[in-house]
Amino acid sequence: MDTSAIQSINVWPLAAYFLLVIVLVAGILALSYVIGERHTASAADEPFESGIVTVGRARVRLSAKFYLIAMFFVIFDVEAVFLFAWAIAFRELGWAGYIEAIIFIGVLGAALAYLWRLGALDWTSNVRTLPKKR
């Protein structure tokens, strides 16, 4: 059998699936536009949180420490997933896997100690006093 014929036999289900997805997405969008609810009230365009109309500016400046803590959380969560996978395969890995996990935990501990020493985990505000104008 010709190789191009074999390739076309293997590709047509993928093309049919792709076409089906495009038709389905277009259909859902068209259906939601046709039967979707229309809001004409002036309050419909105002943002709200829990039914309370906001007061003041929406652009609140947050300290970079919030984002830093979020990044630490994500990093240590990913590392917890690695340790969970190691715990599942513990018997198959043997002593070599145990030593590698100890090294991994040691690196995590060293990184945490470094961040702690740097003051990245310190939430106290360092209030700087501005010099008084004379």
N, C-alpha and C. Protein backbone atom coordinates (compact mmCIF):
# COMPACT_ATOMS: atom_id res chain seq x y z
N MET A 1 0.84 -1.18 0.00
CA MET A 1 0.00 0.00 0.00
C MET A 1 0.88 1.24 0.00
N ASP A 2 0.43 2.27 -0.65
CA ASP A 2 1.18 3.52 -0.79
C ASP A 2 1.26 4.24 0.57
N THR A 3 2.41 4.84 0.88
CA THR A 3 2.58 5.52 2.17
C THR A 3 1.69 6.74 2.30
N SER A 4 1.42 7.45 1.21
CA SER A 4 0.54 8.61 1.30
C SER A 4 -0.89 8.18 1.61
N ALA A 5 -1.30 7.03 1.12
CA ALA A 5 -2.64 6.51 1.43
C ALA A 5 -2.74 6.13 2.90
N ILE A 6 -1.68 5.54 3.43
CA ILE A 6 -1.66 5.16 4.85
C ILE A 6 -1.70 6.41 5.73
N GLN A 7 -0.94 7.43 5.33
CA GLN A 7 -0.93 8.67 6.10
C GLN A 7 -2.30 9.34 6.06
N SER A 8 -2.98 9.33 4.92
CA SER A 8 -4.29 9.97 4.83
C SER A 8 -5.31 9.18 5.65
N ILE A 9 -5.16 7.87 5.73
CA ILE A 9 -6.06 7.06 6.56
C ILE A 9 -5.85 7.39 8.03
N ASN A 10 -4.61 7.65 8.43
CA ASN A 10 -4.32 7.95 9.82
C ASN A 10 -4.67 9.39 10.20
N VAL A 11 -4.76 10.30 9.23
CA VAL A 11 -4.96 11.72 9.53
C VAL A 11 -6.44 12.11 9.50
N TRP A 12 -7.29 11.43 8.77
CA TRP A 12 -8.66 11.89 8.60
C TRP A 12 -9.46 11.92 9.90
N PRO A 13 -9.25 11.01 10.90
CA PRO A 13 -10.00 11.17 12.15
C PRO A 13 -9.63 12.46 12.89
N LEU A 14 -8.35 12.84 12.82
CA LEU A 14 -7.91 14.07 13.46
C LEU A 14 -8.53 15.29 12.78
N ALA A 15 -8.58 15.28 11.45
CA ALA A 15 -9.19 16.39 10.71
C ALA A 15 -10.69 16.46 11.00
N ALA A 16 -11.36 15.31 11.07
CA ALA A 16 -12.79 15.29 11.37
C ALA A 16 -13.05 15.81 12.79
N TYR A 17 -12.21 15.43 13.73
CA TYR A 17 -12.34 15.91 15.10
C TYR A 17 -12.15 17.42 15.17
N PHE A 18 -11.13 17.92 14.48
CA PHE A 18 -10.84 19.36 14.45
C PHE A 18 -12.04 20.12 13.88
N LEU A 19 -12.60 19.62 12.79
CA LEU A 19 -13.75 20.26 12.16
C LEU A 19 -14.97 20.21 13.10
N LEU A 20 -15.18 19.10 13.78
CA LEU A 20 -16.28 18.97 14.72
C LEU A 20 -16.13 19.96 15.88
N VAL A 21 -14.94 20.15 16.37
CA VAL A 21 -14.70 21.10 17.46
C VAL A 21 -15.01 22.52 17.00
N ILE A 22 -14.55 22.89 15.81
CA ILE A 22 -14.81 24.23 15.28
C ILE A 22 -16.31 24.46 15.11
N VAL A 23 -17.02 23.49 14.56
CA VAL A 23 -18.47 23.61 14.36
C VAL A 23 -19.18 23.70 15.72
N LEU A 24 -18.77 22.91 16.68
CA LEU A 24 -19.39 22.93 18.00
C LEU A 24 -19.17 24.27 18.70
N VAL A 25 -17.97 24.79 18.66
CA VAL A 25 -17.68 26.09 19.30
C VAL A 25 -18.47 27.20 18.62
N ALA A 26 -18.50 27.21 17.30
CA ALA A 26 -19.27 28.22 16.58
C ALA A 26 -20.76 28.10 16.89
N GLY A 27 -21.25 26.89 17.00
CA GLY A 27 -22.66 26.68 17.33
C GLY A 27 -23.00 27.17 18.72
N ILE A 28 -22.15 26.89 19.68
CA ILE A 28 -22.39 27.33 21.06
C ILE A 28 -22.36 28.86 21.14
N LEU A 29 -21.40 29.49 20.47
CA LEU A 29 -21.33 30.95 20.47
C LEU A 29 -22.56 31.56 19.81
N ALA A 30 -22.99 31.01 18.68
CA ALA A 30 -24.18 31.53 18.00
C ALA A 30 -25.42 31.33 18.86
N LEU A 31 -25.56 30.18 19.48
CA LEU A 31 -26.72 29.89 20.31
C LEU A 31 -26.76 30.81 21.53
N SER A 32 -25.62 31.07 22.16
CA SER A 32 -25.60 31.96 23.31
C SER A 32 -25.93 33.39 22.91
N TYR A 33 -25.54 33.79 21.69
CA TYR A 33 -25.88 35.14 21.22
C TYR A 33 -27.38 35.25 20.94
N VAL A 34 -27.97 34.20 20.37
CA VAL A 34 -29.39 34.25 20.01
C VAL A 34 -30.29 34.19 21.24
N ILE A 35 -30.02 33.26 22.16
CA ILE A 35 -30.92 33.11 23.31
C ILE A 35 -30.37 33.75 24.57
N GLY A 36 -29.27 34.48 24.47
CA GLY A 36 -28.67 35.11 25.64
C GLY A 36 -29.51 36.25 26.17
N GLU A 37 -29.33 36.54 27.45
CA GLU A 37 -30.08 37.59 28.12
C GLU A 37 -29.47 38.94 27.79
N ARG A 38 -30.32 39.93 27.56
CA ARG A 38 -29.87 41.29 27.26
C ARG A 38 -30.17 42.18 28.46
N HIS A 39 -29.18 42.94 28.88
CA HIS A 39 -29.35 43.87 30.00
C HIS A 39 -29.35 45.29 29.46
N THR A 40 -30.37 46.04 29.78
CA THR A 40 -30.43 47.43 29.32
C THR A 40 -30.38 48.42 30.47
N ALA A 41 -30.37 47.95 31.70
CA ALA A 41 -30.32 48.85 32.84
C ALA A 41 -28.96 49.52 32.92
N SER A 42 -28.95 50.75 33.44
CA SER A 42 -27.67 51.48 33.52
C SER A 42 -26.73 50.86 34.54
N ALA A 43 -27.29 50.20 35.55
CA ALA A 43 -26.44 49.59 36.59
C ALA A 43 -25.82 48.28 36.12
N ALA A 44 -26.24 47.78 34.96
CA ALA A 44 -25.71 46.50 34.49
C ALA A 44 -24.24 46.61 34.08
N ASP A 45 -23.80 47.81 33.74
CA ASP A 45 -22.41 47.98 33.31
C ASP A 45 -21.48 48.33 34.46
N GLU A 46 -22.01 48.52 35.65
CA GLU A 46 -21.16 48.88 36.79
C GLU A 46 -20.62 47.61 37.44
N PRO A 47 -19.33 47.61 37.78
CA PRO A 47 -18.78 46.44 38.47
C PRO A 47 -19.25 46.41 39.93
N PHE A 48 -19.43 45.23 40.44
CA PHE A 48 -19.81 45.09 41.84
C PHE A 48 -19.21 43.82 42.41
N GLU A 49 -19.11 43.81 43.71
CA GLU A 49 -18.59 42.65 44.43
C GLU A 49 -19.60 42.28 45.49
N SER A 50 -20.16 41.13 45.42
CA SER A 50 -21.15 40.63 46.38
C SER A 50 -22.36 41.55 46.47
N GLY A 51 -22.71 42.18 45.38
CA GLY A 51 -23.90 43.04 45.36
C GLY A 51 -23.66 44.44 45.88
N ILE A 52 -22.46 44.76 46.26
CA ILE A 52 -22.15 46.08 46.80
C ILE A 52 -21.41 46.87 45.74
N VAL A 53 -21.92 48.03 45.40
CA VAL A 53 -21.26 48.88 44.41
C VAL A 53 -19.96 49.39 45.00
N THR A 54 -18.91 49.35 44.22
CA THR A 54 -17.59 49.75 44.71
C THR A 54 -17.53 51.26 44.92
N VAL A 55 -16.72 51.64 45.88
CA VAL A 55 -16.49 53.04 46.18
C VAL A 55 -14.99 53.27 46.13
N GLY A 56 -14.57 54.28 45.44
CA GLY A 56 -13.16 54.59 45.35
C GLY A 56 -12.53 54.00 44.11
N ARG A 57 -11.23 54.03 44.09
CA ARG A 57 -10.50 53.55 42.93
C ARG A 57 -10.34 52.04 42.95
N ALA A 58 -10.31 51.45 41.79
CA ALA A 58 -10.10 50.01 41.68
C ALA A 58 -8.62 49.68 41.62
N ARG A 59 -7.80 50.65 41.34
CA ARG A 59 -6.36 50.43 41.20
C ARG A 59 -5.65 50.65 42.53
N VAL A 60 -5.72 49.65 43.38
CA VAL A 60 -5.06 49.71 44.67
C VAL A 60 -3.66 49.14 44.51
N ARG A 61 -2.69 49.86 44.99
CA ARG A 61 -1.31 49.38 44.90
C ARG A 61 -1.02 48.46 46.06
N LEU A 62 -0.64 47.25 45.74
CA LEU A 62 -0.30 46.26 46.76
C LEU A 62 1.21 46.14 46.85
N SER A 63 1.65 45.77 48.02
CA SER A 63 3.07 45.56 48.22
C SER A 63 3.54 44.36 47.40
N ALA A 64 4.78 44.41 46.97
CA ALA A 64 5.34 43.29 46.21
C ALA A 64 5.46 42.04 47.06
N LYS A 65 5.38 42.19 48.38
CA LYS A 65 5.49 41.02 49.26
C LYS A 65 4.31 40.06 49.06
N PHE A 66 3.15 40.58 48.69
CA PHE A 66 2.02 39.71 48.42
C PHE A 66 2.35 38.77 47.27
N TYR A 67 2.93 39.32 46.22
CA TYR A 67 3.27 38.52 45.05
C TYR A 67 4.44 37.58 45.37
N LEU A 68 5.34 38.03 46.20
CA LEU A 68 6.48 37.20 46.59
C LEU A 68 6.02 35.98 47.38
N ILE A 69 5.11 36.19 48.32
CA ILE A 69 4.58 35.07 49.09
C ILE A 69 3.82 34.11 48.18
N ALA A 70 3.08 34.65 47.20
CA ALA A 70 2.35 33.80 46.26
C ALA A 70 3.33 32.95 45.46
N MET A 71 4.44 33.53 45.04
CA MET A 71 5.45 32.78 44.29
C MET A 71 6.08 31.69 45.16
N PHE A 72 6.37 32.01 46.42
CA PHE A 72 6.92 31.00 47.33
C PHE A 72 5.93 29.85 47.49
N PHE A 73 4.66 30.19 47.61
CA PHE A 73 3.63 29.17 47.77
C PHE A 73 3.60 28.24 46.56
N VAL A 74 3.64 28.81 45.37
CA VAL A 74 3.61 27.99 44.15
C VAL A 74 4.85 27.11 44.07
N ILE A 75 6.00 27.68 44.34
CA ILE A 75 7.26 26.92 44.26
C ILE A 75 7.25 25.76 45.24
N PHE A 76 6.88 26.01 46.49
CA PHE A 76 6.90 24.95 47.48
C PHE A 76 5.77 23.95 47.26
N ASP A 77 4.68 24.36 46.62
CA ASP A 77 3.64 23.40 46.25
C ASP A 77 4.13 22.43 45.18
N VAL A 78 4.82 22.95 44.19
CA VAL A 78 5.36 22.09 43.12
C VAL A 78 6.37 21.11 43.71
N GLU A 79 7.16 21.57 44.64
CA GLU A 79 8.13 20.68 45.27
C GLU A 79 7.44 19.63 46.13
N ALA A 80 6.32 19.98 46.73
CA ALA A 80 5.55 18.99 47.48
C ALA A 80 5.00 17.92 46.55
N VAL A 81 4.62 18.29 45.34
CA VAL A 81 4.16 17.30 44.36
C VAL A 81 5.30 16.34 44.01
N PHE A 82 6.51 16.87 43.84
CA PHE A 82 7.65 16.00 43.55
C PHE A 82 7.89 15.02 44.69
N LEU A 83 7.79 15.50 45.92
CA LEU A 83 8.00 14.61 47.07
C LEU A 83 6.88 13.59 47.19
N PHE A 84 5.66 13.96 46.81
CA PHE A 84 4.56 13.00 46.82
C PHE A 84 4.81 11.88 45.81
N ALA A 85 5.28 12.26 44.62
CA ALA A 85 5.61 11.25 43.61
C ALA A 85 6.75 10.35 44.10
N TRP A 86 7.72 10.92 44.78
CA TRP A 86 8.82 10.13 45.33
C TRP A 86 8.29 9.15 46.38
N ALA A 87 7.36 9.61 47.21
CA ALA A 87 6.81 8.75 48.26
C ALA A 87 6.04 7.57 47.67
N ILE A 88 5.40 7.78 46.54
CA ILE A 88 4.67 6.69 45.90
C ILE A 88 5.63 5.63 45.36
N ALA A 89 6.75 6.08 44.79
CA ALA A 89 7.71 5.16 44.18
C ALA A 89 8.86 4.83 45.12
N PHE A 90 8.65 5.00 46.42
CA PHE A 90 9.73 4.85 47.39
C PHE A 90 10.38 3.46 47.35
N ARG A 91 9.60 2.40 47.33
CA ARG A 91 10.15 1.04 47.36
C ARG A 91 10.95 0.71 46.11
N GLU A 92 10.50 1.20 44.96
CA GLU A 92 11.22 0.90 43.71
C GLU A 92 12.53 1.68 43.60
N LEU A 93 12.60 2.84 44.24
CA LEU A 93 13.80 3.68 44.11
C LEU A 93 14.94 3.21 45.00
N GLY A 94 14.63 2.62 46.13
CA GLY A 94 15.65 2.11 47.02
C GLY A 94 16.42 3.23 47.72
N TRP A 95 17.65 2.88 48.13
CA TRP A 95 18.48 3.83 48.88
C TRP A 95 18.92 5.01 48.02
N ALA A 96 19.13 4.78 46.74
CA ALA A 96 19.55 5.89 45.87
C ALA A 96 18.46 6.96 45.81
N GLY A 97 17.22 6.54 45.71
CA GLY A 97 16.11 7.48 45.71
C GLY A 97 15.96 8.20 47.04
N TYR A 98 16.23 7.48 48.13
CA TYR A 98 16.16 8.08 49.46
C TYR A 98 17.22 9.17 49.62
N ILE A 99 18.42 8.88 49.18
CA ILE A 99 19.50 9.87 49.29
C ILE A 99 19.21 11.08 48.41
N GLU A 100 18.68 10.85 47.20
CA GLU A 100 18.32 11.97 46.33
C GLU A 100 17.21 12.82 46.95
N ALA A 101 16.24 12.18 47.62
CA ALA A 101 15.17 12.94 48.27
C ALA A 101 15.72 13.76 49.44
N ILE A 102 16.68 13.20 50.17
CA ILE A 102 17.30 13.94 51.28
C ILE A 102 18.05 15.15 50.73
N ILE A 103 18.76 14.98 49.62
CA ILE A 103 19.46 16.11 48.99
C ILE A 103 18.45 17.16 48.53
N PHE A 104 17.34 16.72 47.92
CA PHE A 104 16.30 17.63 47.46
C PHE A 104 15.71 18.42 48.62
N ILE A 105 15.42 17.74 49.73
CA ILE A 105 14.87 18.42 50.91
C ILE A 105 15.91 19.36 51.50
N GLY A 106 17.18 18.97 51.46
CA GLY A 106 18.25 19.84 51.95
C GLY A 106 18.36 21.12 51.13
N VAL A 107 18.25 21.00 49.81
CA VAL A 107 18.28 22.19 48.95
C VAL A 107 17.08 23.08 49.24
N LEU A 108 15.90 22.47 49.45
CA LEU A 108 14.72 23.25 49.81
C LEU A 108 14.92 23.98 51.14
N GLY A 109 15.48 23.27 52.10
CA GLY A 109 15.74 23.90 53.40
C GLY A 109 16.75 25.03 53.30
N ALA A 110 17.79 24.83 52.49
CA ALA A 110 18.78 25.89 52.30
C ALA A 110 18.16 27.10 51.61
N ALA A 111 17.30 26.87 50.62
CA ALA A 111 16.63 27.98 49.94
C ALA A 111 15.71 28.72 50.90
N LEU A 112 15.00 27.97 51.73
CA LEU A 112 14.12 28.61 52.71
C LEU A 112 14.92 29.41 53.73
N ALA A 113 16.04 28.87 54.20
CA ALA A 113 16.89 29.60 55.14
C ALA A 113 17.46 30.87 54.49
N TYR A 114 17.84 30.77 53.22
CA TYR A 114 18.37 31.93 52.51
C TYR A 114 17.30 33.02 52.38
N LEU A 115 16.08 32.62 52.02
CA LEU A 115 14.99 33.59 51.90
C LEU A 115 14.66 34.21 53.25
N TRP A 116 14.71 33.40 54.28
CA TRP A 116 14.42 33.90 55.63
C TRP A 116 15.49 34.92 56.05
N ARG A 117 16.76 34.58 55.79
CA ARG A 117 17.85 35.47 56.16
C ARG A 117 17.82 36.76 55.37
N LEU A 118 17.37 36.68 54.11
CA LEU A 118 17.26 37.86 53.27
C LEU A 118 16.15 38.79 53.74
N GLY A 119 15.22 38.24 54.50
CA GLY A 119 14.09 39.03 54.98
C GLY A 119 12.90 38.97 54.06
N ALA A 120 12.91 38.04 53.11
CA ALA A 120 11.80 37.93 52.16
C ALA A 120 10.53 37.44 52.83
N LEU A 121 10.64 36.77 53.96
CA LEU A 121 9.47 36.24 54.65
C LEU A 121 9.04 37.14 55.82
N ASP A 122 9.69 38.28 55.96
CA ASP A 122 9.39 39.21 57.04
C ASP A 122 8.24 40.12 56.63
N TRP A 123 7.14 40.10 57.38
CA TRP A 123 5.97 40.90 57.03
C TRP A 123 5.89 42.20 57.80
N THR A 124 6.82 42.45 58.69
CA THR A 124 6.78 43.71 59.43
C THR A 124 7.15 44.83 58.48
N SER A 125 6.49 45.95 58.66
CA SER A 125 6.75 47.07 57.75
C SER A 125 7.95 47.85 58.25
N ASN A 126 8.83 48.11 57.35
CA ASN A 126 9.99 48.93 57.64
C ASN A 126 9.61 50.37 57.31
N VAL A 127 9.21 51.11 58.32
CA VAL A 127 8.76 52.47 58.09
C VAL A 127 9.99 53.37 58.01
N ARG A 128 10.12 54.01 56.88
CA ARG A 128 11.22 54.95 56.71
C ARG A 128 10.73 56.34 57.06
N THR A 129 11.47 57.03 57.87
CA THR A 129 11.09 58.40 58.21
C THR A 129 11.77 59.34 57.22
N LEU A 130 10.97 60.20 56.67
CA LEU A 130 11.51 61.19 55.74
C LEU A 130 12.13 62.32 56.51
N PRO A 131 13.20 62.90 55.99
CA PRO A 131 13.79 64.04 56.70
C PRO A 131 12.82 65.22 56.70
N LYS A 132 12.80 65.92 57.82
CA LYS A 132 11.89 67.06 57.97
C LYS A 132 12.38 68.24 57.16
N LYS A 133 11.43 68.93 56.55
CA LYS A 133 11.78 70.12 55.77
C LYS A 133 11.96 71.29 56.72
N ARG A 134 12.96 72.08 56.44
CA ARG A 134 13.23 73.22 57.32
C ARG A 134 12.73 74.49 56.73
